[in-house]
């Protein structure tokens, strides 16, 4: 039986406050299939202007992405 998900997230780039190229996010998701709420979150880390890493917690699993941007194009690879 399929379900739906509803979520709310908030994120903030903290480079100005911390002098570090990080941007955390957090939120809450509600799934109708399991009829429950789950916390979600993540952290984006910028290494250079075009290279960054993103760690995401989807409420169940952790996922890591490496992202490279070139001009108008963005390429992401899952590293887990």
PDB file of N, CA and C in Angstrom:
ATOM      1  N   UNK A   1       0.841  -1.182   0.000  1.00  0.00           N
ATOM      2  CA  UNK A   1       0.000   0.000   0.000  1.00  0.00           C
ATOM      3  C   UNK A   1       0.886   1.245   0.000  1.00  0.00           C
ATOM      4  N   UNK A   2       0.723   2.146  -0.960  1.00  0.00           N
ATOM      5  CA  UNK A   2       1.543   3.359  -1.010  1.00  0.00           C
ATOM      6  C   UNK A   2       1.147   4.356   0.074  1.00  0.00           C
ATOM      7  N   UNK A   3       2.066   5.225   0.380  1.00  0.00           N
ATOM      8  CA  UNK A   3       1.804   6.269   1.361  1.00  0.00           C
ATOM      9  C   UNK A   3       2.312   7.603   0.864  1.00  0.00           C
ATOM     10  N   UNK A   4       2.108   8.625   1.658  1.00  0.00           N
ATOM     11  CA  UNK A   4       2.583   9.964   1.349  1.00  0.00           C
ATOM     12  C   UNK A   4       3.493  10.436   2.469  1.00  0.00           C
ATOM     13  N   UNK A   5       4.334  11.395   2.141  1.00  0.00           N
ATOM     14  CA  UNK A   5       5.203  12.015   3.138  1.00  0.00           C
ATOM     15  C   UNK A   5       4.997  13.521   3.118  1.00  0.00           C
ATOM     16  N   UNK A   6       5.019  14.099   4.291  1.00  0.00           N
ATOM     17  CA  UNK A   6       4.936  15.539   4.465  1.00  0.00           C
ATOM     18  C   UNK A   6       6.121  15.943   5.337  1.00  0.00           C
ATOM     19  N   UNK A   7       6.815  16.997   4.934  1.00  0.00           N
ATOM     20  CA  UNK A   7       8.000  17.357   5.698  1.00  0.00           C
ATOM     21  C   UNK A   7       8.178  18.862   5.785  1.00  0.00           C
ATOM     22  N   UNK A   8       8.912  19.261   6.810  1.00  0.00           N
ATOM     23  CA  UNK A   8       9.303  20.656   7.002  1.00  0.00           C
ATOM     24  C   UNK A   8      10.781  20.659   7.367  1.00  0.00           C
ATOM     25  N   UNK A   9      11.544  21.534   6.731  1.00  0.00           N
ATOM     26  CA  UNK A   9      12.971  21.620   7.011  1.00  0.00           C
ATOM     27  C   UNK A   9      13.390  23.074   7.183  1.00  0.00           C
ATOM     28  N   UNK A  10      14.507  23.243   7.862  1.00  0.00           N
ATOM     29  CA  UNK A  10      15.131  24.555   8.015  1.00  0.00           C
ATOM     30  C   UNK A  10      16.629  24.373   7.832  1.00  0.00           C
ATOM     31  N   UNK A  11      17.266  25.338   7.188  1.00  0.00           N
ATOM     32  CA  UNK A  11      18.713  25.268   7.008  1.00  0.00           C
ATOM     33  C   UNK A  11      19.311  26.660   7.182  1.00  0.00           C
ATOM     34  N   UNK A  12      20.604  26.691   7.469  1.00  0.00           N
ATOM     35  CA  UNK A  12      21.287  27.961   7.681  1.00  0.00           C
ATOM     36  C   UNK A  12      22.744  27.808   7.296  1.00  0.00           C
ATOM     37  N   UNK A  13      23.216  28.673   6.414  1.00  0.00           N
ATOM     38  CA  UNK A  13      24.632  28.714   6.093  1.00  0.00           C
ATOM     39  C   UNK A  13      25.340  29.451   7.230  1.00  0.00           C
ATOM     40  N   UNK A  14      26.281  28.786   7.885  1.00  0.00           N
ATOM     41  CA  UNK A  14      26.942  29.350   9.068  1.00  0.00           C
ATOM     42  C   UNK A  14      28.332  29.902   8.788  1.00  0.00           C
ATOM     43  N   UNK A  15      28.676  30.101   7.525  1.00  0.00           N
ATOM     44  CA  UNK A  15      30.022  30.571   7.195  1.00  0.00           C
ATOM     45  C   UNK A  15      30.314  31.927   7.828  1.00  0.00           C
ATOM     46  N   UNK A  16      29.367  32.836   7.802  1.00  0.00           N
ATOM     47  CA  UNK A  16      29.591  34.169   8.376  1.00  0.00           C
ATOM     48  C   UNK A  16      29.787  34.093   9.896  1.00  0.00           C
ATOM     49  N   UNK A  17      29.023  33.256  10.558  1.00  0.00           N
ATOM     50  CA  UNK A  17      29.095  33.165  12.022  1.00  0.00           C
ATOM     51  C   UNK A  17      30.294  32.362  12.507  1.00  0.00           C
ATOM     52  N   UNK A  18      30.659  31.283  11.791  1.00  0.00           N
ATOM     53  CA  UNK A  18      31.702  30.374  12.271  1.00  0.00           C
ATOM     54  C   UNK A  18      33.019  30.465  11.510  1.00  0.00           C
ATOM     55  N   UNK A  19      33.011  31.167  10.378  1.00  0.00           N
ATOM     56  CA  UNK A  19      34.172  31.220   9.475  1.00  0.00           C
ATOM     57  C   UNK A  19      34.477  29.850   8.867  1.00  0.00           C
ATOM     58  N   UNK A  20      33.563  28.915   8.996  1.00  0.00           N
ATOM     59  CA  UNK A  20      33.692  27.586   8.398  1.00  0.00           C
ATOM     60  C   UNK A  20      32.621  27.430   7.321  1.00  0.00           C
ATOM     61  N   UNK A  21      32.928  26.754   6.221  1.00  0.00           N
ATOM     62  CA  UNK A  21      31.962  26.611   5.125  1.00  0.00           C
ATOM     63  C   UNK A  21      30.953  25.486   5.376  1.00  0.00           C
ATOM     64  N   UNK A  22      30.133  25.657   6.412  1.00  0.00           N
ATOM     65  CA  UNK A  22      29.163  24.607   6.760  1.00  0.00           C
ATOM     66  C   UNK A  22      27.743  25.163   6.757  1.00  0.00           C
ATOM     67  N   UNK A  23      26.814  24.275   6.449  1.00  0.00           N
ATOM     68  CA  UNK A  23      25.399  24.644   6.448  1.00  0.00           C
ATOM     69  C   UNK A  23      24.585  23.455   6.955  1.00  0.00           C
ATOM     70  N   UNK A  24      24.185  23.455   8.216  1.00  0.00           N
ATOM     71  CA  UNK A  24      23.357  22.362   8.733  1.00  0.00           C
ATOM     72  C   UNK A  24      21.891  22.554   8.353  1.00  0.00           C
ATOM     73  N   UNK A  25      21.160  21.454   8.351  1.00  0.00           N
ATOM     74  CA  UNK A  25      19.710  21.511   8.165  1.00  0.00           C
ATOM     75  C   UNK A  25      19.071  20.482   9.093  1.00  0.00           C
ATOM     76  N   UNK A  26      17.837  20.741   9.456  1.00  0.00           N
ATOM     77  CA  UNK A  26      17.106  19.804  10.300  1.00  0.00           C
ATOM     78  C   UNK A  26      15.633  19.924   9.967  1.00  0.00           C
ATOM     79  N   UNK A  27      14.886  18.922  10.376  1.00  0.00           N
ATOM     80  CA  UNK A  27      13.461  18.959  10.085  1.00  0.00           C
ATOM     81  C   UNK A  27      12.722  17.775  10.660  1.00  0.00           C
ATOM     82  N   UNK A  28      11.497  17.666  10.213  1.00  0.00           N
ATOM     83  CA  UNK A  28      10.607  16.618  10.681  1.00  0.00           C
ATOM     84  C   UNK A  28       9.802  16.128   9.483  1.00  0.00           C
ATOM     85  N   UNK A  29       9.652  14.813   9.381  1.00  0.00           N
ATOM     86  CA  UNK A  29       8.861  14.227   8.294  1.00  0.00           C
ATOM     87  C   UNK A  29       7.769  13.355   8.912  1.00  0.00           C
ATOM     88  N   UNK A  30       6.608  13.390   8.281  1.00  0.00           N
ATOM     89  CA  UNK A  30       5.502  12.517   8.686  1.00  0.00           C
ATOM     90  C   UNK A  30       5.161  11.625   7.504  1.00  0.00           C
ATOM     91  N   UNK A  31       5.140  10.318   7.744  1.00  0.00           N
ATOM     92  CA  UNK A  31       4.802   9.359   6.699  1.00  0.00           C
ATOM     93  C   UNK A  31       3.470   8.699   6.988  1.00  0.00           C
ATOM     94  N   UNK A  32       2.576   8.715   5.987  1.00  0.00           N
ATOM     95  CA  UNK A  32       1.255   8.112   6.189  1.00  0.00           C
ATOM     96  C   UNK A  32       1.307   6.587   6.139  1.00  0.00           C
ATOM     97  N   UNK A  33       2.317   6.022   5.463  1.00  0.00           N
ATOM     98  CA  UNK A  33       2.414   4.570   5.363  1.00  0.00           C
ATOM     99  C   UNK A  33       2.635   3.939   6.733  1.00  0.00           C
ATOM    100  N   UNK A  34       3.538   4.526   7.522  1.00  0.00           N
ATOM    101  CA  UNK A  34       3.800   4.018   8.870  1.00  0.00           C
ATOM    102  C   UNK A  34       3.111   4.848   9.946  1.00  0.00           C
ATOM    103  N   UNK A  35       2.440   5.932   9.533  1.00  0.00           N
ATOM    104  CA  UNK A  35       1.696   6.789  10.456  1.00  0.00           C
ATOM    105  C   UNK A  35       2.570   7.245  11.629  1.00  0.00           C
ATOM    106  N   UNK A  36       3.728   7.844  11.282  1.00  0.00           N
ATOM    107  CA  UNK A  36       4.636   8.298  12.338  1.00  0.00           C
ATOM    108  C   UNK A  36       5.504   9.462  11.866  1.00  0.00           C
ATOM    109  N   UNK A  37       6.029  10.193  12.841  1.00  0.00           N
ATOM    110  CA  UNK A  37       6.962  11.280  12.597  1.00  0.00           C
ATOM    111  C   UNK A  37       8.388  10.763  12.738  1.00  0.00           C
ATOM    112  N   UNK A  38       9.313  11.351  11.982  1.00  0.00           N
ATOM    113  CA  UNK A  38      10.741  11.030  12.085  1.00  0.00           C
ATOM    114  C   UNK A  38      11.550  12.316  11.969  1.00  0.00           C
ATOM    115  N   UNK A  39      12.648  12.408  12.731  1.00  0.00           N
ATOM    116  CA  UNK A  39      13.543  13.556  12.558  1.00  0.00           C
ATOM    117  C   UNK A  39      14.406  13.354  11.315  1.00  0.00           C
ATOM    118  N   UNK A  40      14.726  14.433  10.630  1.00  0.00           N
ATOM    119  CA  UNK A  40      15.634  14.390   9.490  1.00  0.00           C
ATOM    120  C   UNK A  40      16.660  15.504   9.653  1.00  0.00           C
ATOM    121  N   UNK A  41      17.787  15.377   8.961  1.00  0.00           N
ATOM    122  CA  UNK A  41      18.790  16.419   9.066  1.00  0.00           C
ATOM    123  C   UNK A  41      19.954  16.180   8.134  1.00  0.00           C
ATOM    124  N   UNK A  42      20.881  17.104   8.171  1.00  0.00           N
ATOM    125  CA  UNK A  42      22.050  16.967   7.322  1.00  0.00           C
ATOM    126  C   UNK A  42      23.050  18.072   7.560  1.00  0.00           C
ATOM    127  N   UNK A  43      24.168  17.950   6.853  1.00  0.00           N
ATOM    128  CA  UNK A  43      25.231  18.945   6.947  1.00  0.00           C
ATOM    129  C   UNK A  43      25.912  19.041   5.597  1.00  0.00           C
ATOM    130  N   UNK A  44      25.985  20.251   5.069  1.00  0.00           N
ATOM    131  CA  UNK A  44      26.707  20.514   3.830  1.00  0.00           C
ATOM    132  C   UNK A  44      28.037  21.171   4.185  1.00  0.00           C
ATOM    133  N   UNK A  45      29.119  20.663   3.584  1.00  0.00           N
ATOM    134  CA  UNK A  45      30.458  21.194   3.843  1.00  0.00           C
ATOM    135  C   UNK A  45      31.067  21.601   2.508  1.00  0.00           C
ATOM    136  N   UNK A  46      31.420  22.857   2.374  1.00  0.00           N
ATOM    137  CA  UNK A  46      32.038  23.348   1.142  1.00  0.00           C
ATOM    138  C   UNK A  46      33.547  23.294   1.235  1.00  0.00           C
ATOM    139  N   UNK A  47      34.177  22.568   0.326  1.00  0.00           N
ATOM    140  CA  UNK A  47      35.637  22.478   0.318  1.00  0.00           C
ATOM    141  C   UNK A  47      36.250  23.568  -0.558  1.00  0.00           C
ATOM    142  N   UNK A  48      35.669  23.762  -1.721  1.00  0.00           N
ATOM    143  CA  UNK A  48      36.094  24.820  -2.628  1.00  0.00           C
ATOM    144  C   UNK A  48      34.830  25.451  -3.200  1.00  0.00           C
ATOM    145  N   UNK A  49      35.002  26.404  -4.099  1.00  0.00           N
ATOM    146  CA  UNK A  49      33.858  27.037  -4.751  1.00  0.00           C
ATOM    147  C   UNK A  49      33.021  26.030  -5.527  1.00  0.00           C
ATOM    148  N   UNK A  50      33.644  24.958  -6.028  1.00  0.00           N
ATOM    149  CA  UNK A  50      32.913  23.997  -6.870  1.00  0.00           C
ATOM    150  C   UNK A  50      32.812  22.600  -6.286  1.00  0.00           C
ATOM    151  N   UNK A  51      33.389  22.328  -5.126  1.00  0.00           N
ATOM    152  CA  UNK A  51      33.364  20.981  -4.534  1.00  0.00           C
ATOM    153  C   UNK A  51      32.795  21.033  -3.123  1.00  0.00           C
ATOM    154  N   UNK A  52      31.779  20.185  -2.879  1.00  0.00           N
ATOM    155  CA  UNK A  52      31.183  20.131  -1.547  1.00  0.00           C
ATOM    156  C   UNK A  52      30.759  18.706  -1.221  1.00  0.00           C
ATOM    157  N   UNK A  53      30.534  18.461   0.061  1.00  0.00           N
ATOM    158  CA  UNK A  53      30.056  17.172   0.541  1.00  0.00           C
ATOM    159  C   UNK A  53      28.779  17.409   1.341  1.00  0.00           C
ATOM    160  N   UNK A  54      27.869  16.474   1.227  1.00  0.00           N
ATOM    161  CA  UNK A  54      26.600  16.562   1.940  1.00  0.00           C
ATOM    162  C   UNK A  54      26.331  15.243   2.636  1.00  0.00           C
ATOM    163  N   UNK A  55      26.058  15.308   3.924  1.00  0.00           N
ATOM    164  CA  UNK A  55      25.658  14.135   4.696  1.00  0.00           C
ATOM    165  C   UNK A  55      24.200  14.346   5.066  1.00  0.00           C
ATOM    166  N   UNK A  56      23.360  13.352   4.739  1.00  0.00           N
ATOM    167  CA  UNK A  56      21.919  13.463   4.952  1.00  0.00           C
ATOM    168  C   UNK A  56      21.442  12.315   5.824  1.00  0.00           C
ATOM    169  N   UNK A  57      20.627  12.624   6.823  1.00  0.00           N
ATOM    170  CA  UNK A  57      19.916  11.595   7.587  1.00  0.00           C
ATOM    171  C   UNK A  57      18.451  11.700   7.208  1.00  0.00           C
ATOM    172  N   UNK A  58      17.917  10.660   6.567  1.00  0.00           N
ATOM    173  CA  UNK A  58      16.546  10.697   6.055  1.00  0.00           C
ATOM    174  C   UNK A  58      15.505  10.207   7.053  1.00  0.00           C
ATOM    175  N   UNK A  59      15.902  10.028   8.305  1.00  0.00           N
ATOM    176  CA  UNK A  59      14.998   9.518   9.319  1.00  0.00           C
ATOM    177  C   UNK A  59      15.218   8.046   9.589  1.00  0.00           C
ATOM    178  N   UNK A  60      15.923   7.374   8.680  1.00  0.00           N
ATOM    179  CA  UNK A  60      16.227   5.946   8.822  1.00  0.00           C
ATOM    180  C   UNK A  60      17.705   5.679   8.546  1.00  0.00           C
ATOM    181  N   UNK A  61      18.209   6.188   7.413  1.00  0.00           N
ATOM    182  CA  UNK A  61      19.580   5.920   6.981  1.00  0.00           C
ATOM    183  C   UNK A  61      20.364   7.213   6.788  1.00  0.00           C
ATOM    184  N   UNK A  62      21.693   7.073   6.811  1.00  0.00           N
ATOM    185  CA  UNK A  62      22.591   8.182   6.522  1.00  0.00           C
ATOM    186  C   UNK A  62      23.113   8.014   5.098  1.00  0.00           C
ATOM    187  N   UNK A  63      23.131   9.104   4.336  1.00  0.00           N
ATOM    188  CA  UNK A  63      23.612   9.094   2.959  1.00  0.00           C
ATOM    189  C   UNK A  63      24.679  10.172   2.812  1.00  0.00           C
ATOM    190  N   UNK A  64      25.742   9.855   2.068  1.00  0.00           N
ATOM    191  CA  UNK A  64      26.810  10.823   1.808  1.00  0.00           C
ATOM    192  C   UNK A  64      26.853  11.112   0.316  1.00  0.00           C
ATOM    193  N   UNK A  65      26.967  12.390  -0.027  1.00  0.00           N
ATOM    194  CA  UNK A  65      27.072  12.816  -1.424  1.00  0.00           C
ATOM    195  C   UNK A  65      28.273  13.720  -1.592  1.00  0.00           C
ATOM    196  N   UNK A  66      28.954  13.554  -2.706  1.00  0.00           N
ATOM    197  CA  UNK A  66      30.026  14.442  -3.098  1.00  0.00           C
ATOM    198  C   UNK A  66      29.544  15.175  -4.340  1.00  0.00           C
ATOM    199  N   UNK A  67      29.611  16.504  -4.329  1.00  0.00           N
ATOM    200  CA  UNK A  67      29.048  17.310  -5.419  1.00  0.00           C
ATOM    201  C   UNK A  67      30.127  18.193  -6.039  1.00  0.00           C
ATOM    202  N   UNK A  68      30.147  18.206  -7.370  1.00  0.00           N
ATOM    203  CA  UNK A  68      31.074  19.040  -8.126  1.00  0.00           C
ATOM    204  C   UNK A  68      30.271  19.909  -9.077  1.00  0.00           C
ATOM    205  N   UNK A  69      30.497  21.202  -9.034  1.00  0.00           N
ATOM    206  CA  UNK A  69      29.808  22.119  -9.927  1.00  0.00           C
ATOM    207  C   UNK A  69      30.763  22.688 -10.959  1.00  0.00           C
ATOM    208  N   UNK A  70      30.316  22.754 -12.200  1.00  0.00           N
ATOM    209  CA  UNK A  70      31.115  23.320 -13.278  1.00  0.00           C
ATOM    210  C   UNK A  70      30.205  24.157 -14.159  1.00  0.00           C
ATOM    211  N   UNK A  71      30.438  25.462 -14.149  1.00  0.00           N
ATOM    212  CA  UNK A  71      29.591  26.410 -14.873  1.00  0.00           C
ATOM    213  C   UNK A  71      28.139  26.222 -14.458  1.00  0.00           C
ATOM    214  N   UNK A  72      27.245  25.861 -15.401  1.00  0.00           N
ATOM    215  CA  UNK A  72      25.820  25.687 -15.072  1.00  0.00           C
ATOM    216  C   UNK A  72      25.479  24.253 -14.675  1.00  0.00           C
ATOM    217  N   UNK A  73      26.453  23.368 -14.606  1.00  0.00           N
ATOM    218  CA  UNK A  73      26.198  21.949 -14.370  1.00  0.00           C
ATOM    219  C   UNK A  73      26.642  21.545 -12.969  1.00  0.00           C
ATOM    220  N   UNK A  74      25.897  20.625 -12.397  1.00  0.00           N
ATOM    221  CA  UNK A  74      26.228  20.094 -11.080  1.00  0.00           C
ATOM    222  C   UNK A  74      26.189  18.573 -11.159  1.00  0.00           C
ATOM    223  N   UNK A  75      27.244  17.925 -10.663  1.00  0.00           N
ATOM    224  CA  UNK A  75      27.346  16.472 -10.672  1.00  0.00           C
ATOM    225  C   UNK A  75      27.462  15.995  -9.229  1.00  0.00           C
ATOM    226  N   UNK A  76      26.611  15.056  -8.844  1.00  0.00           N
ATOM    227  CA  UNK A  76      26.650  14.497  -7.495  1.00  0.00           C
ATOM    228  C   UNK A  76      26.838  12.983  -7.565  1.00  0.00           C
ATOM    229  N   UNK A  77      27.624  12.466  -6.638  1.00  0.00           N
ATOM    230  CA  UNK A  77      27.895  11.036  -6.566  1.00  0.00           C
ATOM    231  C   UNK A  77      27.681  10.599  -5.132  1.00  0.00           C
ATOM    232  N   UNK A  78      26.961   9.500  -4.955  1.00  0.00           N
ATOM    233  CA  UNK A  78      26.793   8.915  -3.632  1.00  0.00           C
ATOM    234  C   UNK A  78      28.071   8.175  -3.290  1.00  0.00           C
ATOM    235  N   UNK A  79      28.622   8.451  -2.118  1.00  0.00           N
ATOM    236  CA  UNK A  79      29.892   7.832  -1.739  1.00  0.00           C
ATOM    237  C   UNK A  79      29.707   6.719  -0.709  1.00  0.00           C
ATOM    238  N   UNK A  80      28.485   6.372  -0.392  1.00  0.00           N
ATOM    239  CA  UNK A  80      28.269   5.285   0.578  1.00  0.00           C
ATOM    240  C   UNK A  80      27.955   3.990  -0.104  1.00  0.00           C
TER     241      UNK A  80
END
